[in-house]
Amino acid sequence: MAIKSFKHKGLEDFFYDGTTKGINSKHADKLANRLDRLNAALSPEDMNLPSYRLHKLEPKNLIAGRSMFPGHGG
């Protein structure tokens, strides 16, 4: 389940080059740890560590228990 892409250029540069230019350098150690773990994960359960607080995401746009997007929830 290797990381395939990034939306955040600073995070991508940090992941590939180690540069902290586009991120808060105070978060570098924690980010490096989580990105390494995420890149090595084979399933979502591999990210289920107590400090990571893994949880199922719920849709925000529900109307009376129905999703606004067919095929996605409710």
N, C-alpha and C. Protein backbone atom coordinates (compact mmCIF):
# COMPACT_ATOMS: atom_id res chain seq x y z
N MET A 1 0.84 -1.19 0.00
CA MET A 1 0.00 0.00 0.00
C MET A 1 0.88 1.24 0.00
N ALA A 2 1.90 1.21 -0.79
CA ALA A 2 2.85 2.32 -0.84
C ALA A 2 2.15 3.63 -1.20
N ILE A 3 2.68 4.72 -0.72
CA ILE A 3 2.15 6.04 -1.03
C ILE A 3 2.27 6.24 -2.53
N LYS A 4 1.16 6.62 -3.16
CA LYS A 4 1.13 6.79 -4.61
C LYS A 4 1.23 8.24 -5.04
N SER A 5 0.69 9.15 -4.26
CA SER A 5 0.73 10.56 -4.63
C SER A 5 0.51 11.43 -3.40
N PHE A 6 0.80 12.70 -3.58
CA PHE A 6 0.63 13.69 -2.52
C PHE A 6 -0.16 14.87 -3.07
N LYS A 7 -1.02 15.46 -2.26
CA LYS A 7 -1.69 16.71 -2.62
C LYS A 7 -0.86 17.90 -2.15
N HIS A 8 -0.04 17.68 -1.13
CA HIS A 8 0.74 18.76 -0.52
C HIS A 8 2.20 18.67 -0.99
N LYS A 9 2.63 19.68 -1.75
CA LYS A 9 3.98 19.68 -2.32
C LYS A 9 5.06 19.64 -1.25
N GLY A 10 4.88 20.36 -0.16
CA GLY A 10 5.87 20.37 0.92
C GLY A 10 6.02 19.00 1.55
N LEU A 11 4.92 18.31 1.73
CA LEU A 11 4.95 16.96 2.30
C LEU A 11 5.62 15.98 1.34
N GLU A 12 5.32 16.13 0.07
CA GLU A 12 5.95 15.28 -0.94
C GLU A 12 7.47 15.49 -0.96
N ASP A 13 7.91 16.73 -0.95
CA ASP A 13 9.34 17.03 -0.93
C ASP A 13 10.00 16.47 0.33
N PHE A 14 9.32 16.60 1.46
CA PHE A 14 9.85 16.05 2.70
C PHE A 14 9.99 14.54 2.62
N PHE A 15 8.98 13.87 2.07
CA PHE A 15 9.00 12.42 1.95
C PHE A 15 10.15 11.94 1.07
N TYR A 16 10.32 12.56 -0.08
CA TYR A 16 11.33 12.09 -1.04
C TYR A 16 12.73 12.64 -0.78
N ASP A 17 12.83 13.90 -0.33
CA ASP A 17 14.13 14.55 -0.20
C ASP A 17 14.56 14.85 1.23
N GLY A 18 13.60 14.82 2.16
CA GLY A 18 13.92 15.13 3.54
C GLY A 18 13.95 16.62 3.84
N THR A 19 13.61 17.44 2.86
CA THR A 19 13.62 18.89 3.08
C THR A 19 12.40 19.31 3.90
N THR A 20 12.61 20.19 4.85
CA THR A 20 11.52 20.66 5.71
C THR A 20 11.01 22.02 5.26
N LYS A 21 11.41 22.47 4.08
CA LYS A 21 11.04 23.79 3.60
C LYS A 21 9.53 24.01 3.54
N GLY A 22 8.76 23.01 3.13
CA GLY A 22 7.32 23.19 2.96
C GLY A 22 6.47 22.68 4.10
N ILE A 23 7.10 22.31 5.22
CA ILE A 23 6.36 21.80 6.38
C ILE A 23 6.83 22.52 7.64
N ASN A 24 6.10 22.36 8.71
CA ASN A 24 6.54 22.89 10.00
C ASN A 24 7.64 21.96 10.51
N SER A 25 8.85 22.45 10.62
CA SER A 25 9.98 21.60 11.00
C SER A 25 9.82 20.97 12.38
N LYS A 26 8.97 21.55 13.23
CA LYS A 26 8.71 20.96 14.54
C LYS A 26 8.01 19.60 14.40
N HIS A 27 7.34 19.38 13.27
CA HIS A 27 6.59 18.15 13.05
C HIS A 27 7.37 17.11 12.25
N ALA A 28 8.61 17.40 11.90
CA ALA A 28 9.38 16.54 11.00
C ALA A 28 9.52 15.11 11.51
N ASP A 29 9.87 14.93 12.77
CA ASP A 29 10.07 13.57 13.29
C ASP A 29 8.78 12.76 13.26
N LYS A 30 7.68 13.37 13.70
CA LYS A 30 6.40 12.67 13.71
C LYS A 30 5.94 12.37 12.28
N LEU A 31 6.09 13.33 11.39
CA LEU A 31 5.70 13.11 10.00
C LEU A 31 6.53 12.00 9.36
N ALA A 32 7.82 12.00 9.60
CA ALA A 32 8.69 10.97 9.04
C ALA A 32 8.25 9.59 9.51
N ASN A 33 7.95 9.48 10.79
CA ASN A 33 7.50 8.21 11.35
C ASN A 33 6.20 7.74 10.70
N ARG A 34 5.24 8.64 10.60
CA ARG A 34 3.93 8.26 10.05
C ARG A 34 3.99 7.99 8.55
N LEU A 35 4.76 8.77 7.82
CA LEU A 35 4.89 8.53 6.39
C LEU A 35 5.59 7.20 6.12
N ASP A 36 6.60 6.89 6.91
CA ASP A 36 7.30 5.61 6.76
C ASP A 36 6.35 4.46 7.04
N ARG A 37 5.59 4.58 8.11
CA ARG A 37 4.62 3.53 8.47
C ARG A 37 3.54 3.39 7.39
N LEU A 38 3.04 4.51 6.91
CA LEU A 38 2.02 4.50 5.87
C LEU A 38 2.55 3.87 4.58
N ASN A 39 3.76 4.20 4.23
CA ASN A 39 4.36 3.67 3.01
C ASN A 39 4.59 2.16 3.10
N ALA A 40 4.84 1.65 4.29
CA ALA A 40 5.10 0.22 4.48
C ALA A 40 3.83 -0.59 4.74
N ALA A 41 2.72 0.08 5.04
CA ALA A 41 1.48 -0.61 5.40
C ALA A 41 0.95 -1.44 4.24
N LEU A 42 0.46 -2.63 4.57
CA LEU A 42 -0.14 -3.50 3.58
C LEU A 42 -1.67 -3.42 3.62
N SER A 43 -2.21 -2.93 4.73
CA SER A 43 -3.65 -2.77 4.88
C SER A 43 -3.91 -1.62 5.86
N PRO A 44 -5.12 -1.08 5.86
CA PRO A 44 -5.43 0.00 6.81
C PRO A 44 -5.19 -0.39 8.26
N GLU A 45 -5.40 -1.66 8.58
CA GLU A 45 -5.20 -2.11 9.96
C GLU A 45 -3.75 -1.95 10.42
N ASP A 46 -2.82 -1.91 9.48
CA ASP A 46 -1.42 -1.71 9.84
C ASP A 46 -1.18 -0.31 10.43
N MET A 47 -2.12 0.59 10.22
CA MET A 47 -2.02 1.94 10.76
C MET A 47 -2.76 2.09 12.09
N ASN A 48 -3.32 1.00 12.59
CA ASN A 48 -4.14 1.05 13.80
C ASN A 48 -3.27 0.94 15.05
N LEU A 49 -2.54 1.99 15.33
CA LEU A 49 -1.74 2.09 16.55
C LEU A 49 -2.47 3.02 17.51
N PRO A 50 -2.36 2.81 18.81
CA PRO A 50 -3.11 3.64 19.77
C PRO A 50 -2.92 5.14 19.56
N SER A 51 -1.73 5.59 19.30
CA SER A 51 -1.49 7.03 19.17
C SER A 51 -1.99 7.59 17.83
N TYR A 52 -2.31 6.72 16.87
CA TYR A 52 -2.77 7.19 15.56
C TYR A 52 -4.28 7.43 15.54
N ARG A 53 -5.02 6.88 16.48
CA ARG A 53 -6.47 7.06 16.58
C ARG A 53 -7.19 6.79 15.26
N LEU A 54 -6.88 5.66 14.64
CA LEU A 54 -7.52 5.26 13.38
C LEU A 54 -9.02 5.09 13.60
N HIS A 55 -9.82 5.64 12.67
CA HIS A 55 -11.27 5.51 12.77
C HIS A 55 -11.87 5.58 11.36
N LYS A 56 -13.06 5.04 11.24
CA LYS A 56 -13.77 5.06 9.97
C LYS A 56 -14.27 6.48 9.71
N LEU A 57 -14.08 6.95 8.48
CA LEU A 57 -14.59 8.26 8.10
C LEU A 57 -16.05 8.14 7.72
N GLU A 58 -16.83 9.09 8.18
CA GLU A 58 -18.26 9.13 7.87
C GLU A 58 -18.52 10.29 6.92
N PRO A 59 -19.45 10.10 5.98
CA PRO A 59 -19.78 11.19 5.06
C PRO A 59 -20.32 12.39 5.81
N LYS A 60 -19.96 13.59 5.37
CA LYS A 60 -20.44 14.82 6.00
C LYS A 60 -21.80 15.23 5.45
N ASN A 61 -22.09 14.88 4.22
CA ASN A 61 -23.29 15.35 3.54
C ASN A 61 -24.40 14.31 3.56
N LEU A 62 -24.93 14.04 4.74
CA LEU A 62 -26.04 13.09 4.86
C LEU A 62 -27.34 13.85 5.12
N ILE A 63 -28.37 13.44 4.40
CA ILE A 63 -29.70 14.02 4.60
C ILE A 63 -30.61 12.88 5.00
N ALA A 64 -31.12 12.91 6.21
CA ALA A 64 -32.01 11.87 6.74
C ALA A 64 -31.41 10.48 6.54
N GLY A 65 -30.12 10.36 6.80
CA GLY A 65 -29.46 9.06 6.73
C GLY A 65 -29.12 8.61 5.32
N ARG A 66 -29.33 9.45 4.33
CA ARG A 66 -29.03 9.10 2.94
C ARG A 66 -27.86 9.94 2.45
N SER A 67 -26.99 9.32 1.72
CA SER A 67 -25.86 10.04 1.16
C SER A 67 -26.30 10.87 -0.04
N MET A 68 -25.67 12.00 -0.23
CA MET A 68 -25.94 12.82 -1.41
C MET A 68 -25.26 12.23 -2.64
N PHE A 69 -24.39 11.25 -2.42
CA PHE A 69 -23.65 10.64 -3.51
C PHE A 69 -24.07 9.18 -3.63
N PRO A 70 -24.78 8.82 -4.71
CA PRO A 70 -25.23 7.43 -4.87
C PRO A 70 -24.09 6.43 -4.76
N GLY A 71 -24.35 5.35 -4.05
CA GLY A 71 -23.34 4.31 -3.89
C GLY A 71 -22.35 4.55 -2.79
N HIS A 72 -22.50 5.65 -2.03
CA HIS A 72 -21.57 5.98 -0.96
C HIS A 72 -22.32 6.20 0.34
N GLY A 73 -22.51 5.17 1.09
CA GLY A 73 -23.13 5.28 2.42
C GLY A 73 -24.64 5.28 2.37
N GLY A 74 -25.24 5.36 3.56
CA GLY A 74 -26.66 5.45 3.82
C GLY A 74 -27.53 4.82 2.86
